[in-house]
Amino acid sequence: MDAALVTVGDELLAGDTENTNATWLARELTERGVDVRRVLTVPDVEAAIADAVQEYADRYDAVIVTGGLGGTPDDLTMDAVAAAFDRPLEENDLARADLERTLKAITDSYPDLNVDIEAEAAIPAGARPLINDAGLSPGAVVENVYVLPGIPGEMQRMFEGVAEEFAGDVESRVLYTTEPEANLIERLDGVRNRFGVQVGCYPDREAGHNRLKLRSDDPEKLDEATTWLRDEVKLVEPDADTQVGENTRSGTSDDG
């Protein structure tokens, strides 16, 4: 399974907000063996969002879109996804019922809260609603596109509800060496060409080592490549606080 991430927001492009959603989602998907092929940030412009969703929905098995789903003028994500699939926005009964329950529960804390429930509960026609247990605005699944909130806490809780729908066969192995990156080029090319695996080198100057990460959907080839590289490269054991598991389905802290 491969996937693309589309994060929406002018604040992300301006550097006003750190794009933690992309990092968190990429890590979660990779841990599940999903091959994350693209991470794209687009502005709060409906056409730009719709174009990205339309392109990626055709190219990848799944697309996750995070962005504003509320009622402010820059919350255009749901409108854009509806436009990408040429579907109207329609009030969803399940989403409305959940919104009404949530608003009733918080009315004492927010007595002046004014929510357009009909607009808030609108998702693309025929889409599957995703209930927002940590907020108000629902998400949705339209074909292979998952629309999640932009607020990190809400996004993470909603993703947990659909996480089992993402699975793949990509595994990884991680090794560590103090050899200079420039000295490793020939051997890294060699392991890639010999075994057909993906290979990356990620320097960590603070820890004083380079992290070598091998990835493949063929466990046998991956093991062979790892064994070969162990014999070709001078390896070290990392400090406990910088170590990434070598035999997991994927690493838990990839920065490449």
Protein backbone atom coordinates (compact mmCIF):
# COMPACT_ATOMS: atom_id res chain seq x y z
CA MET A 1 0.00 0.00 0.00
CA ASP A 2 1.29 3.46 -0.85
CA ALA A 3 -0.03 6.79 0.34
CA ALA A 4 0.27 10.54 0.00
CA LEU A 5 -0.25 13.25 2.59
CA VAL A 6 -1.73 16.67 1.84
CA THR A 7 -1.53 19.23 4.63
CA VAL A 8 -3.53 22.41 4.15
CA GLY A 9 -2.81 25.84 5.59
CA ASP A 10 -1.34 29.23 4.82
CA GLU A 11 0.16 29.17 8.33
CA LEU A 12 2.20 26.09 7.43
CA LEU A 13 3.62 27.68 4.29
CA ALA A 14 4.43 30.89 6.15
CA GLY A 15 6.27 29.01 8.88
CA ASP A 16 3.90 30.31 11.55
CA THR A 17 2.92 26.76 12.51
CA GLU A 18 5.15 23.70 12.55
CA ASN A 19 3.81 20.92 10.34
CA THR A 20 3.66 18.27 13.04
CA ASN A 21 0.69 16.57 11.37
CA ALA A 22 2.77 15.48 8.38
CA THR A 23 5.56 14.10 10.58
CA TRP A 24 3.16 12.27 12.89
CA LEU A 25 1.11 10.74 10.08
CA ALA A 26 4.17 9.71 8.05
CA ARG A 27 5.58 7.93 11.09
CA GLU A 28 2.28 6.21 11.89
CA LEU A 29 1.81 5.02 8.32
CA THR A 30 5.40 3.86 7.97
CA GLU A 31 5.08 1.83 11.16
CA ARG A 32 2.17 0.05 9.51
CA GLY A 33 4.24 -0.85 6.48
CA VAL A 34 2.68 1.80 4.24
CA ASP A 35 4.98 3.39 1.68
CA VAL A 36 4.51 7.16 2.04
CA ARG A 37 5.35 8.52 -1.41
CA ARG A 38 4.45 12.20 -1.18
CA VAL A 39 3.99 14.90 1.45
CA LEU A 40 2.58 18.13 0.05
CA THR A 41 1.58 21.36 1.76
CA VAL A 42 -0.91 23.59 -0.06
CA PRO A 43 -2.41 27.00 0.77
CA ASP A 44 -5.97 27.68 1.86
CA VAL A 45 -7.09 27.90 -1.75
CA GLU A 46 -9.88 25.58 -2.83
CA ALA A 47 -8.56 24.99 -6.34
CA ALA A 48 -5.06 24.14 -5.08
CA ILE A 49 -6.42 21.65 -2.56
CA ALA A 50 -8.79 20.08 -5.08
CA ASP A 51 -6.07 19.72 -7.72
CA ALA A 52 -3.72 17.99 -5.27
CA VAL A 53 -6.42 15.63 -4.02
CA GLN A 54 -7.55 14.75 -7.52
CA GLU A 55 -4.01 14.03 -8.72
CA TYR A 56 -2.96 11.98 -5.71
CA ALA A 57 -6.22 10.01 -5.50
CA ASP A 58 -5.49 8.71 -9.00
CA ARG A 59 -1.84 7.90 -8.28
CA TYR A 60 -1.84 6.36 -4.80
CA ASP A 61 -3.76 3.76 -2.84
CA ALA A 62 -4.71 6.26 -0.15
CA VAL A 63 -4.55 10.00 0.43
CA ILE A 64 -4.81 11.68 3.82
CA VAL A 65 -5.75 15.34 3.86
CA THR A 66 -5.49 17.44 7.02
CA GLY A 67 -6.75 20.98 7.26
CA GLY A 68 -9.39 23.30 8.65
CA LEU A 69 -12.81 21.67 8.81
CA GLY A 70 -14.63 24.32 10.81
CA GLY A 71 -16.72 27.29 9.78
CA THR A 72 -14.11 30.04 9.45
CA PRO A 73 -13.46 31.57 6.01
CA ASP A 74 -10.17 29.71 5.55
CA ASP A 75 -11.68 26.29 6.37
CA LEU A 76 -11.97 25.12 2.77
CA THR A 77 -10.69 21.56 3.01
CA MET A 78 -14.02 19.73 2.88
CA ASP A 79 -15.31 21.99 0.09
CA ALA A 80 -12.17 21.31 -1.92
CA VAL A 81 -12.36 17.54 -1.51
CA ALA A 82 -16.00 17.62 -2.60
CA ALA A 83 -14.94 19.63 -5.66
CA ALA A 84 -12.16 17.16 -6.45
CA PHE A 85 -14.74 14.36 -6.77
CA ASP A 86 -17.41 16.60 -8.32
CA ARG A 87 -19.79 15.97 -5.44
CA PRO A 88 -22.00 18.43 -3.56
CA LEU A 89 -21.70 18.93 0.16
CA GLU A 90 -24.63 17.39 2.02
CA GLU A 91 -25.63 17.35 5.66
CA ASN A 92 -24.85 13.92 7.11
CA ASP A 93 -27.30 12.54 9.67
CA LEU A 94 -24.65 10.72 11.73
CA ALA A 95 -22.41 13.78 11.80
CA ARG A 96 -25.31 16.01 12.78
CA ALA A 97 -26.38 13.73 15.61
CA ASP A 98 -22.85 13.67 17.00
CA LEU A 99 -22.56 17.44 16.74
CA GLU A 100 -25.82 17.91 18.61
CA ARG A 101 -24.66 15.55 21.39
CA THR A 102 -21.33 17.36 21.68
CA LEU A 103 -22.88 20.82 21.73
CA LYS A 104 -25.38 19.74 24.38
CA ALA A 105 -22.55 18.40 26.54
CA ILE A 106 -20.54 21.63 26.39
CA THR A 107 -23.36 24.17 26.48
CA ASP A 108 -22.69 25.09 30.13
CA SER A 109 -19.01 25.74 29.42
CA TYR A 110 -19.65 27.63 26.18
CA PRO A 111 -23.11 29.23 26.51
CA ASP A 112 -22.49 31.75 23.73
CA LEU A 113 -21.17 29.23 21.19
CA ASN A 114 -22.95 29.76 17.89
CA VAL A 115 -22.56 26.83 15.51
CA ASP A 116 -24.26 26.37 12.14
CA ILE A 117 -24.96 22.67 12.63
CA GLU A 118 -26.21 22.09 9.10
CA ALA A 119 -23.04 23.55 7.58
CA GLU A 120 -20.77 21.91 10.15
CA ALA A 121 -22.28 18.47 9.48
CA ALA A 122 -21.93 18.73 5.70
CA ILE A 123 -19.58 16.32 3.94
CA PRO A 124 -19.29 15.25 0.28
CA ALA A 125 -22.35 13.35 -0.90
CA GLY A 126 -21.96 9.61 -0.42
CA ALA A 127 -18.90 9.99 1.82
CA ARG A 128 -18.40 8.04 5.04
CA PRO A 129 -18.40 10.38 8.04
CA LEU A 130 -15.61 10.23 10.61
CA ILE A 131 -16.79 11.33 14.03
CA ASN A 132 -14.62 13.89 15.81
CA ASP A 133 -14.32 12.56 19.37
CA ALA A 134 -11.91 15.34 20.31
CA GLY A 135 -13.68 18.29 18.70
CA LEU A 136 -16.67 19.36 16.64
CA SER A 137 -16.15 19.15 12.89
CA PRO A 138 -16.48 15.66 11.38
CA GLY A 139 -14.03 14.20 8.94
CA ALA A 140 -14.89 12.02 5.97
CA VAL A 141 -13.72 9.25 3.69
CA VAL A 142 -14.38 9.84 -0.01
CA GLU A 143 -13.30 6.83 -2.06
CA ASN A 144 -9.59 6.52 -1.13
CA VAL A 145 -9.25 10.00 0.40
CA TYR A 146 -9.37 10.50 4.17
CA VAL A 147 -10.19 14.02 5.34
CA LEU A 148 -9.00 14.76 8.88
CA PRO A 149 -8.95 17.93 11.04
CA GLY A 150 -5.95 20.21 11.09
CA ILE A 151 -5.81 20.49 14.89
CA PRO A 152 -3.20 17.88 15.88
CA GLY A 153 -5.08 16.41 18.85
CA GLU A 154 -8.28 16.03 16.84
CA MET A 155 -6.42 14.66 13.82
CA GLN A 156 -4.59 12.03 15.85
CA ARG A 157 -7.74 10.82 17.62
CA MET A 158 -9.63 10.57 14.33
CA PHE A 159 -6.78 8.73 12.61
CA GLU A 160 -6.72 6.18 15.42
CA GLY A 161 -10.28 5.29 14.45
CA VAL A 162 -9.26 4.35 10.89
CA ALA A 163 -5.66 3.26 11.48
CA GLU A 164 -6.45 -0.41 10.84
CA GLU A 165 -7.45 0.51 7.28
CA PHE A 166 -3.81 1.29 6.50
CA ALA A 167 -1.43 -1.63 6.09
CA GLY A 168 1.49 -2.51 3.87
CA ASP A 169 4.40 -4.87 3.42
CA VAL A 170 7.34 -2.48 3.63
CA GLU A 171 9.81 -3.40 6.36
CA SER A 172 13.06 -1.80 7.39
CA ARG A 173 16.37 -2.49 9.08
CA VAL A 174 18.54 0.16 10.71
CA LEU A 175 22.31 0.05 11.22
CA TYR A 176 24.73 2.62 12.65
CA THR A 177 28.27 3.55 11.66
CA THR A 178 30.83 6.23 12.43
CA GLU A 179 32.29 6.01 8.93
CA PRO A 180 31.97 9.33 7.03
CA GLU A 181 28.97 9.51 4.71
CA ALA A 182 31.15 10.30 1.69
CA ASN A 183 33.12 7.09 2.24
CA LEU A 184 29.95 4.99 2.17
CA ILE A 185 28.64 5.95 -1.27
CA GLU A 186 30.09 3.00 -3.19
CA ARG A 187 28.87 0.45 -0.66
CA LEU A 188 25.42 2.00 -0.39
CA ASP A 189 25.10 1.97 -4.17
CA GLY A 190 26.30 -1.63 -4.06
CA VAL A 191 23.66 -2.84 -1.61
CA ARG A 192 20.94 -1.01 -3.54
CA ASN A 193 21.96 -2.45 -6.89
CA ARG A 194 22.74 -5.95 -5.63
CA PHE A 195 19.55 -6.53 -3.63
CA GLY A 196 17.07 -4.02 -5.04
CA VAL A 197 16.35 -2.39 -1.67
CA GLN A 198 15.92 1.26 -0.76
CA VAL A 199 18.78 2.66 1.25
CA GLY A 200 19.28 5.96 3.03
CA CYS A 201 22.05 7.49 5.10
CA TYR A 202 21.07 9.97 7.81
CA PRO A 203 23.91 11.77 9.60
CA ASP A 204 23.46 12.52 13.28
CA ARG A 205 26.38 14.75 14.23
CA GLU A 206 25.20 15.19 17.79
CA ALA A 207 25.16 11.43 18.36
CA GLY A 208 28.40 11.01 16.41
CA HIS A 209 27.18 8.39 13.97
CA ASN A 210 25.35 7.89 10.67
CA ARG A 211 22.12 5.93 10.56
CA LEU A 212 21.75 3.55 7.62
CA LYS A 213 18.19 2.54 6.85
CA LEU A 214 17.28 -0.28 4.45
CA ARG A 215 13.68 -0.70 3.25
CA SER A 216 11.93 -3.29 1.10
CA ASP A 217 8.68 -5.21 0.75
CA ASP A 218 10.73 -8.40 0.28
CA PRO A 219 11.85 -9.60 3.77
CA GLU A 220 14.27 -12.16 2.34
CA LYS A 221 16.06 -9.59 0.19
CA LEU A 222 16.05 -7.17 3.10
CA ASP A 223 17.72 -9.69 5.39
CA GLU A 224 20.29 -10.54 2.72
CA ALA A 225 21.05 -6.86 2.15
CA THR A 226 21.39 -6.24 5.88
CA THR A 227 23.78 -9.16 6.28
CA TRP A 228 25.87 -7.99 3.33
CA LEU A 229 26.07 -4.44 4.65
CA ARG A 230 27.04 -5.65 8.12
CA ASP A 231 30.07 -7.34 6.54
CA GLU A 232 30.99 -4.30 4.43
CA VAL A 233 30.60 -1.44 6.91
CA LYS A 234 32.18 -0.82 10.30
CA LEU A 235 29.17 -0.69 12.60
CA VAL A 236 28.65 0.71 16.08
CA GLU A 237 25.98 0.39 18.73
CA PRO A 238 24.11 3.66 19.23
CA ASP A 239 23.27 5.24 22.53
CA ALA A 240 19.94 4.05 23.91
CA ASP A 241 18.27 7.42 23.40
CA THR A 242 19.17 7.53 19.69
CA GLN A 243 18.59 3.89 18.79
CA VAL A 244 15.94 2.87 16.30
CA GLY A 245 14.80 -0.75 16.16
CA GLU A 246 16.57 -2.76 13.49
CA ASN A 247 13.97 -5.46 12.98
CA THR A 248 10.70 -3.59 13.06
CA ARG A 249 8.29 -3.31 10.18
CA SER A 250 9.71 0.18 9.89
CA GLY A 251 11.77 2.66 11.89
CA THR A 252 10.05 4.88 14.39
CA SER A 253 12.14 7.99 13.87
CA ASP A 254 12.94 8.56 10.21
CA ASP A 255 14.14 12.01 9.24
CA GLY A 256 14.58 11.34 5.54
